[in-house]
Amino acid sequence: MKEDQFLRDFKSRSNPDLIFLLGAGSSKSSGIPTAWELTWYFKRDIYCSKNSVSPEALKDITLPKIQRVLQDWIKTNFPVVELNEYAFFFEKAYPSSHARKRVINNYVSNSSPSIGYLSLGALIRNKKIRNLVTTNFDNIIEKIYPDVFVVSDESSHRTGDLEIAGDKIQLIKLHGDFRYDKLKNTTDEIKKINEQIQKRLKDFFKEFGIIVVGYSGRDDSIMSFFEQLVEEEDIFSKGFYWCIRKESKPSIRVQSLISKLKSKNLDADFVEIESFDDFLVHLYKQTGIKDEVIEKIIKERYEQKMPFCFERGNSGKPPAIMTNSAYIEEYPTIAHKFETNINTWDELGQVIGSNDIVASLSNGPSIIAIGNRSLIEKVFSSHIKDTIEILNILEVHLNKLNWQHGFVYKLFYDMLNKYFESALELKRYGKRTFWNSKTFKNYDSKWTRQRCIYYQAFSYGLEFRERELFLILNPTILPMQTDGSPLPEEVKKVFKNEIISSKYNSEIREMLRDWINILKNGKNKIEVSYPVKADPPSARFIIDGGYSFSSLR
């Protein structure tokens, strides 16, 4: 089922007859790690403590190369791992229940409700949602609706106070509450749901439907409970819906559950969504609710996520709209740092010369460089005041990319520029615009009554958003005089506007597609090595060559 179909179904319901089951995926954007992320954190904690390694060196567990280091060690030291890795490694890392509680508390206590949860709060306040169930320990729902009536494992005696009819907003926490001691984290602890809670939930599911959001179905206790309910009569009469991310595939067990429900002629289906936040915002919008705080955040978020526009000419035609961001799967995470007697950028450039080193000046003064260590020692031999240290490139450094400063800004752009010039033999214009000098087109201007030639070109940038790094590619053109010499700046702008405004969306798509293929250089992805011909290279980028594209109507 497409999301829009579910939105219409939800809007048509006169009563709040769907119970919302929220899993860890719903809290990710509120600053709480998912079970998948926590599992990697636990693996990292074990690895680092066993091998006397600083966790800072392996800070970003989303990077494939860090995962490989951890997983290779895990395979050797834990040849037998239980199916539920989260529970298994949490207990291995922290055998004490009190220690596990402290760990969870550290992860969830400072959470802040995302726009999705704020939208959920508005839906609750406007009587669109009344009953919620969660596998999470956090208190985000209590933050968005402080008057919610909560029942968890440690307060299961209150299940009798849960009302099937009435207006009370109710929340059931299946795995406990982080503020209490009885958290369910280990394999033995999550084997079954509290019996009193199970019994009361069965009563509810005879009167209500359910929609599952942000939950993968990994817990045997919950899945077994659902599978038992399927065999009951008069169950889930108001529907059973399971949200999945677009292009993701649910587990076989979840697929089987949906199939069994359908075989009983019940309304059961998967709902394709982009994310928890987007889904709840869309529900909020469809119901016609207006909340000033939420409206402001939606507006700001929309503006932050504005697609990148191909330059508009003066013709008045609408521009093409591109979300032309390519995900950078791998990027350099290690650099060399040393104190120096070099104080200016000019002096730094003179010392490096034509050597395969990229470097940035930092406070101290110190130098942060990427390249072969032996070459760095040789080139800077008379300028190194202390030992060369390894510097891990962390998120705090990458964040500065968006404000165009910091050492990462200099290093990353220098490496990419050198690759485009050396490996792809492109010409550079300005800081980050590149053009192909091998082919050009003639153009006769209707505006100036002059002729020029123009080359296909692109400009690019880097952005670090939501803990991920992206390459932003913007195709353009570079007009020149017919003899290949530069045009006066004002004349160049006129030619550029006229040529761009005459292009159709299909031509713009083709330009972007052509540049992506050129950057791939015959490979499946964009692979940037530095130095270009070094084997092995000192650093590299692996960039997904995919992008999305649409036109403004």
Protein backbone atom coordinates (compact mmCIF):
# COMPACT_ATOMS: atom_id res chain seq x y z
CA MET A 1 0.00 0.00 0.00
CA LYS A 2 1.29 3.44 -0.91
CA GLU A 3 1.46 6.04 1.83
CA ASP A 4 -1.11 8.30 0.20
CA GLN A 5 -3.68 5.48 0.25
CA PHE A 6 -3.18 4.97 3.98
CA LEU A 7 -3.42 8.73 4.59
CA ARG A 8 -6.86 8.77 2.97
CA ASP A 9 -7.91 5.72 4.99
CA PHE A 10 -6.72 7.33 8.24
CA LYS A 11 -8.49 10.60 7.46
CA SER A 12 -11.78 8.77 6.79
CA ARG A 13 -11.85 7.20 10.28
CA SER A 14 -14.23 9.04 12.58
CA ASN A 15 -12.82 7.41 15.73
CA PRO A 16 -9.21 6.83 16.85
CA ASP A 17 -9.50 3.09 16.23
CA LEU A 18 -5.86 2.39 15.35
CA ILE A 19 -3.26 1.63 18.02
CA PHE A 20 0.17 3.01 17.11
CA LEU A 21 3.06 0.64 17.84
CA LEU A 22 6.35 2.53 17.78
CA GLY A 23 9.74 0.84 17.51
CA ALA A 24 13.30 2.14 17.84
CA GLY A 25 13.27 3.53 14.30
CA SER A 26 10.71 6.13 15.34
CA SER A 27 13.08 7.64 17.93
CA LYS A 28 16.22 7.85 15.79
CA SER A 29 15.61 11.42 14.62
CA SER A 30 15.01 12.45 18.25
CA GLY A 31 18.62 11.62 19.01
CA ILE A 32 18.16 8.06 20.28
CA PRO A 33 20.15 5.31 18.56
CA THR A 34 18.31 2.43 16.90
CA ALA A 35 18.81 -1.16 18.04
CA TRP A 36 21.07 -1.64 15.00
CA GLU A 37 23.25 1.30 16.04
CA LEU A 38 23.33 0.23 19.68
CA THR A 39 24.47 -3.24 18.63
CA TRP A 40 27.46 -1.70 16.85
CA TYR A 41 28.16 0.50 19.89
CA PHE A 42 28.21 -2.58 22.12
CA LYS A 43 30.55 -4.38 19.71
CA ARG A 44 32.79 -1.31 19.67
CA ASP A 45 32.77 -1.06 23.48
CA ILE A 46 33.87 -4.69 23.77
CA TYR A 47 36.54 -4.35 21.06
CA CYS A 48 38.00 -1.11 22.42
CA SER A 49 38.16 -2.26 26.04
CA LYS A 50 39.74 -5.59 25.06
CA ASN A 51 42.33 -3.99 22.77
CA SER A 52 43.07 -0.72 24.63
CA VAL A 53 41.74 1.36 21.73
CA SER A 54 40.09 4.75 22.18
CA PRO A 55 36.42 4.70 21.10
CA GLU A 56 37.07 8.07 19.42
CA ALA A 57 39.18 6.24 16.83
CA LEU A 58 36.10 4.21 15.87
CA LYS A 59 33.52 6.89 16.54
CA ASP A 60 31.46 6.66 13.35
CA ILE A 61 30.12 3.11 13.37
CA THR A 62 28.21 3.74 10.12
CA LEU A 63 31.43 3.66 8.09
CA PRO A 64 31.92 0.33 6.28
CA LYS A 65 35.63 0.14 7.07
CA ILE A 66 35.02 0.59 10.82
CA GLN A 67 32.31 -2.06 10.71
CA ARG A 68 34.74 -4.41 8.94
CA VAL A 69 37.35 -3.95 11.68
CA LEU A 70 34.81 -4.69 14.39
CA GLN A 71 33.10 -7.57 12.62
CA ASP A 72 36.35 -9.34 11.72
CA TRP A 73 37.37 -9.24 15.38
CA ILE A 74 33.89 -10.32 16.53
CA LYS A 75 33.91 -13.34 14.20
CA THR A 76 37.19 -14.51 15.69
CA ASN A 77 36.30 -13.92 19.33
CA PHE A 78 32.56 -14.74 19.23
CA PRO A 79 32.21 -17.64 16.78
CA VAL A 80 28.71 -18.41 18.08
CA VAL A 81 26.29 -15.47 18.28
CA GLU A 82 22.60 -15.62 19.08
CA LEU A 83 20.05 -14.48 16.50
CA ASN A 84 19.22 -11.34 18.48
CA GLU A 85 22.60 -9.62 18.31
CA TYR A 86 21.39 -6.58 20.22
CA ALA A 87 20.51 -8.58 23.33
CA PHE A 88 23.54 -10.86 22.98
CA PHE A 89 26.19 -8.14 22.75
CA PHE A 90 24.49 -5.84 25.27
CA GLU A 91 24.77 -8.59 27.89
CA LYS A 92 28.35 -9.42 26.84
CA ALA A 93 29.38 -5.77 27.10
CA TYR A 94 27.45 -5.04 30.31
CA PRO A 95 26.58 -8.18 32.32
CA SER A 96 25.12 -6.15 35.21
CA SER A 97 21.50 -5.00 34.87
CA HIS A 98 22.43 -1.80 36.72
CA ALA A 99 25.20 -1.09 34.20
CA ARG A 100 22.78 -1.72 31.33
CA LYS A 101 20.33 0.74 32.88
CA ARG A 102 23.07 3.39 33.12
CA VAL A 103 24.01 2.85 29.47
CA ILE A 104 20.41 3.19 28.29
CA ASN A 105 19.95 6.25 30.50
CA ASN A 106 22.97 7.91 28.89
CA TYR A 107 21.52 7.34 25.43
CA VAL A 108 17.91 8.38 26.03
CA SER A 109 17.79 10.95 28.85
CA ASN A 110 18.77 13.95 26.71
CA SER A 111 16.52 13.19 23.76
CA SER A 112 14.49 15.93 22.11
CA PRO A 113 11.22 15.19 20.26
CA SER A 114 11.61 15.29 16.49
CA ILE A 115 9.10 16.90 14.14
CA GLY A 116 7.51 13.45 13.78
CA TYR A 117 6.89 13.20 17.51
CA LEU A 118 5.66 16.79 17.68
CA SER A 119 3.17 15.91 14.93
CA LEU A 120 2.20 12.81 16.90
CA GLY A 121 1.55 15.04 19.93
CA ALA A 122 -0.74 17.26 17.86
CA LEU A 123 -2.64 14.20 16.62
CA ILE A 124 -3.04 12.99 20.21
CA ARG A 125 -4.23 16.37 21.48
CA ASN A 126 -6.80 16.54 18.68
CA LYS A 127 -8.21 13.06 19.48
CA LYS A 128 -6.90 11.43 16.30
CA ILE A 129 -4.79 8.93 18.25
CA ARG A 130 -5.60 7.58 21.72
CA ASN A 131 -3.65 4.36 22.30
CA LEU A 132 0.05 3.74 21.81
CA VAL A 133 2.37 0.79 22.35
CA THR A 134 6.16 1.00 22.20
CA THR A 135 9.23 -1.21 22.44
CA ASN A 136 11.27 1.85 23.43
CA PHE A 137 12.51 2.78 26.92
CA ASP A 138 12.56 6.54 26.36
CA ASN A 139 10.12 9.16 27.59
CA ILE A 140 9.59 11.08 24.34
CA ILE A 141 5.86 10.37 24.27
CA GLU A 142 5.60 11.66 27.83
CA LYS A 143 7.41 14.82 26.69
CA ILE A 144 4.94 15.52 23.86
CA TYR A 145 1.91 14.59 26.00
CA PRO A 146 2.69 14.75 29.75
CA ASP A 147 -0.79 13.53 30.80
CA VAL A 148 -0.46 10.15 29.08
CA PHE A 149 -1.37 7.14 31.26
CA VAL A 150 1.64 4.78 31.18
CA VAL A 151 1.74 1.06 31.87
CA SER A 152 5.03 -0.84 31.72
CA ASP A 153 6.50 -4.04 33.07
CA GLU A 154 7.22 -2.41 36.42
CA SER A 155 3.64 -1.07 36.67
CA SER A 156 1.74 -4.00 35.12
CA HIS A 157 -0.66 -3.93 38.09
CA ARG A 158 -2.22 -0.90 36.37
CA THR A 159 -3.35 -2.85 33.29
CA GLY A 160 -6.84 -3.07 34.75
CA ASP A 161 -7.05 0.72 34.53
CA LEU A 162 -6.47 0.71 30.77
CA GLU A 163 -9.74 1.78 29.15
CA ILE A 164 -11.01 0.33 25.87
CA ALA A 165 -13.71 3.00 25.74
CA GLY A 166 -13.21 6.57 26.85
CA ASP A 167 -10.94 9.49 26.04
CA LYS A 168 -7.88 8.70 28.17
CA ILE A 169 -4.56 8.75 26.27
CA GLN A 170 -2.76 5.49 27.06
CA LEU A 171 0.75 4.16 26.48
CA ILE A 172 2.00 0.61 27.01
CA LYS A 173 5.78 0.09 27.22
CA LEU A 174 6.54 -3.52 26.34
CA HIS A 175 10.22 -3.49 27.34
CA GLY A 176 10.10 -1.19 30.34
CA ASP A 177 10.90 2.42 31.16
CA PHE A 178 14.49 3.72 31.41
CA ARG A 179 13.64 5.50 34.66
CA TYR A 180 13.04 2.18 36.43
CA ASP A 181 15.16 -0.88 37.02
CA LYS A 182 13.18 -3.53 35.13
CA LEU A 183 14.42 -2.94 31.58
CA LYS A 184 14.20 -5.82 29.11
CA ASN A 185 17.44 -5.94 27.15
CA THR A 186 19.00 -9.38 27.26
CA THR A 187 17.90 -12.48 25.42
CA ASP A 188 16.23 -14.02 28.47
CA GLU A 189 14.56 -10.74 29.43
CA ILE A 190 12.83 -10.15 26.08
CA LYS A 191 11.66 -13.72 25.51
CA LYS A 192 8.10 -12.84 26.47
CA ILE A 193 5.82 -9.93 27.15
CA ASN A 194 4.42 -9.47 30.64
CA GLU A 195 1.40 -11.79 30.92
CA GLN A 196 -0.92 -9.14 32.36
CA ILE A 197 -0.03 -6.76 29.53
CA GLN A 198 -0.51 -9.51 26.94
CA LYS A 199 -3.96 -10.33 28.25
CA ARG A 200 -5.09 -6.71 28.23
CA LEU A 201 -3.64 -6.06 24.76
CA LYS A 202 -5.62 -9.01 23.41
CA ASP A 203 -8.79 -7.30 24.63
CA PHE A 204 -7.76 -4.10 22.88
CA PHE A 205 -6.94 -5.78 19.57
CA LYS A 206 -10.46 -7.18 19.41
CA GLU A 207 -11.75 -3.61 19.28
CA PHE A 208 -8.90 -1.77 17.57
CA GLY A 209 -6.60 -2.09 14.59
CA ILE A 210 -2.88 -1.41 14.68
CA ILE A 211 -0.24 0.39 12.68
CA VAL A 212 3.42 -0.49 13.28
CA VAL A 213 6.02 2.25 12.68
CA GLY A 214 9.79 2.09 13.12
CA TYR A 215 9.85 -1.54 14.20
CA SER A 216 11.57 -4.35 12.29
CA GLY A 217 9.92 -7.32 14.02
CA ARG A 218 13.11 -8.76 15.50
CA ASP A 219 11.79 -9.46 19.00
CA ASP A 220 10.52 -13.00 19.31
CA SER A 221 8.24 -12.01 22.18
CA ILE A 222 6.23 -9.51 20.12
CA MET A 223 6.20 -11.56 16.93
CA SER A 224 5.10 -14.69 18.81
CA PHE A 225 2.33 -12.67 20.44
CA PHE A 226 1.12 -11.41 17.04
CA GLU A 227 1.28 -14.92 15.60
CA GLN A 228 -0.86 -16.23 18.45
CA LEU A 229 -3.37 -13.44 17.93
CA VAL A 230 -3.75 -14.32 14.24
CA GLU A 231 -5.30 -17.62 15.30
CA GLU A 232 -7.91 -15.82 17.40
CA GLU A 233 -11.36 -14.87 16.14
CA ASP A 234 -12.53 -11.26 15.89
CA ILE A 235 -9.02 -9.86 16.07
CA PHE A 236 -7.65 -6.71 14.36
CA SER A 237 -11.08 -5.94 12.95
CA LYS A 238 -10.03 -2.35 12.25
CA GLY A 239 -6.95 -3.34 10.26
CA PHE A 240 -3.31 -4.34 10.62
CA TYR A 241 -0.71 -2.12 8.92
CA TRP A 242 3.06 -2.37 8.99
CA CYS A 243 5.17 0.58 7.81
CA ILE A 244 8.32 -0.16 5.84
CA ARG A 245 10.87 2.21 4.34
CA LYS A 246 10.66 2.56 0.58
CA GLU A 247 12.78 -0.01 -1.25
CA SER A 248 13.35 -1.98 1.96
CA LYS A 249 12.22 -5.55 2.43
CA PRO A 250 10.42 -6.81 5.55
CA SER A 251 11.56 -10.01 7.23
CA ILE A 252 10.08 -13.32 6.12
CA ARG A 253 8.39 -13.64 9.49
CA VAL A 254 6.63 -10.28 9.11
CA GLN A 255 5.64 -11.12 5.52
CA SER A 256 4.16 -14.40 6.73
CA LEU A 257 2.20 -12.59 9.43
CA ILE A 258 0.65 -10.18 6.91
CA SER A 259 -0.17 -13.06 4.55
CA LYS A 260 -1.99 -14.98 7.30
CA LEU A 261 -4.04 -11.93 8.20
CA LYS A 262 -4.97 -11.40 4.56
CA SER A 263 -5.99 -15.03 4.24
CA LYS A 264 -8.56 -14.34 6.97
CA ASN A 265 -9.98 -11.49 4.85
CA LEU A 266 -8.68 -8.85 7.24
CA ASP A 267 -7.42 -5.45 6.09
CA ALA A 268 -3.69 -6.09 6.39
CA ASP A 269 -0.90 -4.56 4.36
CA PHE A 270 2.51 -2.94 4.30
CA VAL A 271 2.63 0.85 4.05
CA GLU A 272 5.58 2.33 2.17
CA ILE A 273 6.96 5.45 3.89
CA GLU A 274 10.06 7.62 3.59
CA SER A 275 10.65 7.92 7.34
CA PHE A 276 8.83 8.14 10.66
CA ASP A 277 9.08 11.93 10.68
CA ASP A 278 7.76 12.36 7.14
CA PHE A 279 4.93 9.89 7.75
CA LEU A 280 3.71 11.61 10.93
CA VAL A 281 4.01 15.06 9.35
CA HIS A 282 1.89 13.83 6.43
CA LEU A 283 -0.72 12.43 8.84
CA TYR A 284 -0.75 15.75 10.69
CA LYS A 285 -1.22 17.72 7.46
CA GLN A 286 -3.99 15.48 6.12
CA THR A 287 -6.11 15.89 9.25
CA GLY A 288 -6.21 19.68 8.87
CA ILE A 289 -4.71 20.37 12.30
CA LYS A 290 -2.83 23.66 12.67
CA ASP A 291 -0.09 24.09 15.25
CA GLU A 292 2.11 27.20 15.10
CA VAL A 293 5.26 25.48 16.37
CA ILE A 294 4.89 22.55 13.99
CA GLU A 295 4.03 24.79 11.04
CA LYS A 296 7.16 26.85 11.66
CA ILE A 297 9.38 23.76 11.84
CA ILE A 298 7.82 22.29 8.69
CA LYS A 299 8.47 25.56 6.86
CA GLU A 300 12.08 25.70 8.06
CA ARG A 301 12.67 22.05 7.24
CA TYR A 302 11.17 22.48 3.79
CA GLU A 303 13.44 25.41 3.13
CA GLN A 304 16.47 23.47 4.35
CA LYS A 305 15.54 20.59 2.07
CA MET A 306 14.85 22.79 -0.98
CA PRO A 307 16.05 20.94 -4.05
CA PHE A 308 18.99 22.41 -5.88
CA CYS A 309 17.85 24.53 -8.84
CA PHE A 310 19.48 24.60 -12.23
CA GLU A 311 20.23 28.23 -12.94
CA ARG A 312 17.26 30.18 -14.23
CA GLY A 313 17.68 32.25 -17.36
CA ASN A 314 15.82 35.43 -18.23
CA SER A 315 13.21 33.73 -20.39
CA GLY A 316 10.78 33.33 -17.52
CA LYS A 317 10.68 29.56 -17.97
CA PRO A 318 10.54 27.61 -14.71
CA PRO A 319 13.85 26.06 -13.73
CA ALA A 320 14.51 22.38 -13.52
CA ILE A 321 14.55 21.08 -9.97
CA MET A 322 17.24 18.63 -8.95
CA THR A 323 17.99 16.87 -5.73
CA ASN A 324 21.39 16.24 -7.25
CA SER A 325 23.15 14.95 -4.17
CA ALA A 326 25.27 11.81 -4.38
CA TYR A 327 25.87 9.95 -1.11
CA ILE A 328 29.55 9.59 -0.18
CA GLU A 329 29.85 6.04 1.14
CA GLU A 330 33.50 6.29 2.15
CA TYR A 331 35.75 9.27 2.80
CA PRO A 332 39.12 9.86 4.50
CA THR A 333 38.97 9.54 8.28
CA ILE A 334 42.65 9.81 9.20
CA ALA A 335 45.13 12.67 8.75
CA HIS A 336 48.60 13.56 10.07
CA LYS A 337 49.07 16.47 12.45
CA PHE A 338 52.23 18.17 13.72
CA GLU A 339 53.34 21.48 15.19
CA THR A 340 55.22 23.68 12.73
CA ASN A 341 57.15 26.90 12.23
CA ILE A 342 55.17 27.68 9.07
CA ASN A 343 52.85 30.63 9.65
CA THR A 344 51.33 31.57 6.29
CA TRP A 345 49.38 29.83 3.53
CA ASP A 346 51.84 31.09 0.92
CA GLU A 347 54.75 29.52 2.76
CA LEU A 348 52.80 26.26 3.15
CA GLY A 349 52.14 26.15 -0.60
CA GLN A 350 55.79 26.81 -1.40
CA VAL A 351 56.99 24.01 0.89
CA ILE A 352 54.55 21.47 -0.60
CA GLY A 353 55.30 22.48 -4.19
CA SER A 354 54.29 19.74 -6.63
CA ASN A 355 54.42 16.94 -4.06
CA ASP A 356 51.37 14.70 -3.57
CA ILE A 357 50.35 16.20 -0.24
CA VAL A 358 47.26 18.18 0.71
CA ALA A 359 47.60 20.22 3.87
CA SER A 360 45.88 22.85 5.98
CA LEU A 361 47.19 25.30 8.56
CA SER A 362 45.62 25.10 11.99
CA ASN A 363 45.98 26.93 15.29
CA GLY A 364 49.26 26.44 17.09
CA PRO A 365 50.48 26.85 14.43
CA SER A 366 50.15 23.27 13.30
CA ILE A 367 49.68 21.47 10.00
CA ILE A 368 47.10 18.81 9.22
CA ALA A 369 48.03 16.82 6.13
CA ILE A 370 46.99 13.82 4.06
CA GLY A 371 49.55 11.93 2.00
CA ASN A 372 52.27 9.34 2.34
CA ARG A 373 53.75 9.70 5.83
CA SER A 374 57.34 9.24 4.65
CA LEU A 375 56.83 11.93 2.03
CA ILE A 376 55.30 14.27 4.62
CA GLU A 377 58.32 13.75 6.91
CA LYS A 378 60.68 14.43 4.00
CA VAL A 379 58.92 17.52 2.62
CA PHE A 380 58.36 19.12 6.05
CA SER A 381 61.60 17.86 7.64
CA SER A 382 62.80 21.33 8.67
CA HIS A 383 59.33 22.51 9.64
CA ILE A 384 58.22 19.78 12.07
CA LYS A 385 58.61 20.96 15.68
CA ASP A 386 57.29 17.82 17.39
CA THR A 387 56.27 14.26 16.57
CA ILE A 388 53.69 13.58 13.88
CA GLU A 389 50.40 12.42 15.39
CA ILE A 390 47.45 10.61 13.88
CA LEU A 391 44.32 12.78 13.78
CA ASN A 392 40.92 11.13 13.42
CA ILE A 393 38.52 13.09 11.24
CA LEU A 394 35.31 13.22 13.27
CA GLU A 395 31.78 14.52 12.80
CA VAL A 396 32.62 17.76 14.60
CA HIS A 397 35.16 18.45 11.85
CA LEU A 398 32.83 17.45 9.02
CA ASN A 399 30.08 19.73 10.33
CA LYS A 400 32.27 22.74 9.52
CA LEU A 401 32.09 21.88 5.82
CA ASN A 402 28.63 23.44 5.66
CA TRP A 403 30.08 26.79 6.76
CA GLN A 404 33.03 26.48 4.37
CA HIS A 405 35.77 26.50 6.94
CA GLY A 406 37.88 24.07 8.96
CA PHE A 407 40.75 21.86 7.85
CA VAL A 408 38.44 19.24 6.28
CA TYR A 409 37.15 21.93 3.90
CA LYS A 410 40.67 22.52 2.55
CA LEU A 411 41.81 18.89 2.46
CA PHE A 412 38.72 17.33 0.89
CA TYR A 413 38.26 19.98 -1.80
CA ASP A 414 41.97 19.89 -2.69
CA MET A 415 41.88 16.11 -3.13
CA LEU A 416 38.74 16.19 -5.28
CA ASN A 417 40.06 19.08 -7.39
CA LYS A 418 43.32 17.24 -8.04
CA TYR A 419 41.41 14.11 -9.06
CA PHE A 420 39.18 15.98 -11.52
CA GLU A 421 42.20 17.70 -13.06
CA SER A 422 44.74 14.86 -13.05
CA ALA A 423 42.71 11.67 -13.48
CA LEU A 424 39.87 13.02 -15.63
CA GLU A 425 41.89 15.73 -17.42
CA LEU A 426 39.25 18.40 -16.82
CA LYS A 427 40.01 22.12 -16.80
CA ARG A 428 39.25 24.18 -13.71
CA TYR A 429 37.56 27.56 -13.72
CA GLY A 430 37.51 29.42 -10.42
CA LYS A 431 37.45 27.39 -7.22
CA ARG A 432 35.24 24.41 -8.02
CA THR A 433 33.92 24.63 -11.59
CA PHE A 434 35.29 22.12 -14.10
CA TRP A 435 34.82 21.91 -17.86
CA ASN A 436 35.63 19.52 -20.65
CA SER A 437 37.91 21.29 -23.13
CA LYS A 438 37.68 18.52 -25.73
CA THR A 439 34.23 19.35 -27.10
CA PHE A 440 32.32 22.59 -27.56
CA LYS A 441 29.26 23.97 -29.35
CA ASN A 442 28.73 27.15 -31.37
CA TYR A 443 26.00 29.54 -30.35
CA ASP A 444 24.56 32.60 -32.09
CA SER A 445 23.01 34.97 -29.59
CA LYS A 446 19.62 36.47 -30.36
CA TRP A 447 20.18 38.97 -27.58
CA THR A 448 23.65 40.31 -28.47
CA ARG A 449 23.76 39.34 -32.18
CA GLN A 450 27.16 37.82 -31.50
CA ARG A 451 28.59 34.32 -31.73
CA CYS A 452 30.33 32.39 -28.98
CA ILE A 453 31.33 28.84 -28.22
CA TYR A 454 30.45 27.08 -24.98
CA TYR A 455 31.70 24.06 -23.08
CA GLN A 456 29.80 21.68 -20.82
CA ALA A 457 30.79 22.28 -17.19
CA PHE A 458 29.82 21.52 -13.60
CA SER A 459 30.35 23.07 -10.22
CA TYR A 460 30.28 21.02 -7.04
CA GLY A 461 30.14 21.24 -3.29
CA LEU A 462 30.21 19.05 -0.19
CA GLU A 463 27.54 19.00 2.51
CA PHE A 464 27.37 17.10 5.78
CA ARG A 465 23.72 16.54 6.73
CA GLU A 466 22.11 14.15 9.22
CA ARG A 467 25.54 12.59 9.89
CA GLU A 468 26.09 11.79 6.21
CA LEU A 469 28.37 13.37 3.62
CA PHE A 470 27.11 14.30 0.14
CA LEU A 471 28.58 15.49 -3.15
CA ILE A 472 26.35 18.16 -4.69
CA LEU A 473 26.72 18.36 -8.47
CA ASN A 474 25.38 21.29 -10.49
CA PRO A 475 25.72 21.05 -14.31
CA THR A 476 26.27 24.34 -16.11
CA ILE A 477 28.03 25.78 -19.18
CA LEU A 478 31.10 27.95 -19.77
CA PRO A 479 30.80 30.41 -22.71
CA MET A 480 33.98 31.70 -24.42
CA GLN A 481 34.97 33.67 -27.47
CA THR A 482 35.18 31.73 -30.74
CA ASP A 483 38.99 31.62 -30.48
CA GLY A 484 38.76 30.03 -27.02
CA SER A 485 39.73 33.14 -25.06
CA PRO A 486 37.65 34.36 -22.10
CA LEU A 487 34.66 36.61 -22.63
CA PRO A 488 34.21 39.83 -20.65
CA GLU A 489 32.33 38.95 -17.46
CA GLU A 490 29.13 40.84 -18.32
CA VAL A 491 28.99 39.40 -21.85
CA LYS A 492 29.61 35.93 -20.49
CA LYS A 493 26.64 36.27 -18.12
CA VAL A 494 24.35 37.29 -20.99
CA PHE A 495 25.41 34.34 -23.13
CA LYS A 496 25.11 31.96 -20.19
CA ASN A 497 21.59 33.08 -19.25
CA GLU A 498 20.40 32.90 -22.85
CA ILE A 499 21.82 29.43 -23.48
CA ILE A 500 20.57 27.96 -20.21
CA SER A 501 17.08 29.42 -20.56
CA SER A 502 16.73 27.74 -23.96
CA LYS A 503 17.36 24.25 -22.62
CA TYR A 504 14.58 21.77 -21.89
CA ASN A 505 14.46 19.61 -18.77
CA SER A 506 15.44 16.55 -20.77
CA GLU A 507 18.64 18.30 -21.90
CA ILE A 508 19.48 19.27 -18.34
CA ARG A 509 18.92 15.69 -17.20
CA GLU A 510 21.22 14.51 -19.94
CA MET A 511 23.92 16.97 -18.89
CA LEU A 512 23.82 15.73 -15.31
CA ARG A 513 23.77 12.11 -16.45
CA ASP A 514 26.78 12.70 -18.72
CA TRP A 515 28.80 14.26 -15.91
CA ILE A 516 27.96 11.42 -13.54
CA ASN A 517 29.23 8.93 -16.13
CA ILE A 518 32.39 10.96 -16.72
CA LEU A 519 33.11 11.06 -12.98
CA LYS A 520 32.52 7.31 -12.72
CA ASN A 521 35.29 6.87 -15.30
CA GLY A 522 34.03 3.46 -16.44
CA LYS A 523 33.32 2.16 -12.91
CA ASN A 524 30.07 1.44 -11.09
CA LYS A 525 30.65 4.26 -8.63
CA ILE A 526 32.69 7.44 -8.43
CA GLU A 527 36.03 6.35 -6.95
CA VAL A 528 38.43 9.15 -6.06
CA SER A 529 41.93 8.11 -4.99
CA TYR A 530 44.62 10.40 -3.64
CA PRO A 531 47.32 10.54 -4.82
CA VAL A 532 45.74 9.67 -8.15
CA LYS A 533 48.26 7.02 -9.23
CA ALA A 534 49.36 5.76 -5.82
CA ASP A 535 48.86 2.09 -4.95
CA PRO A 536 47.68 1.94 -2.28
CA PRO A 537 46.40 5.52 -2.08
CA SER A 538 46.73 7.61 1.07
CA ALA A 539 43.01 8.39 0.99
CA ARG A 540 39.95 7.75 -1.13
CA PHE A 541 36.30 8.63 -1.62
CA ILE A 542 33.65 6.14 -2.76
CA ILE A 543 30.60 8.02 -4.04
CA ASP A 544 27.27 6.55 -5.09
CA GLY A 545 26.56 7.80 -8.60
CA GLY A 546 22.79 7.85 -8.11
CA TYR A 547 20.74 11.04 -8.03
CA SER A 548 17.11 12.12 -8.32
CA PHE A 549 15.67 14.65 -10.71
CA SER A 550 12.32 16.28 -11.39
CA SER A 551 10.93 19.41 -12.98
CA LEU A 552 9.09 22.34 -11.47
CA ARG A 553 5.51 22.48 -12.70
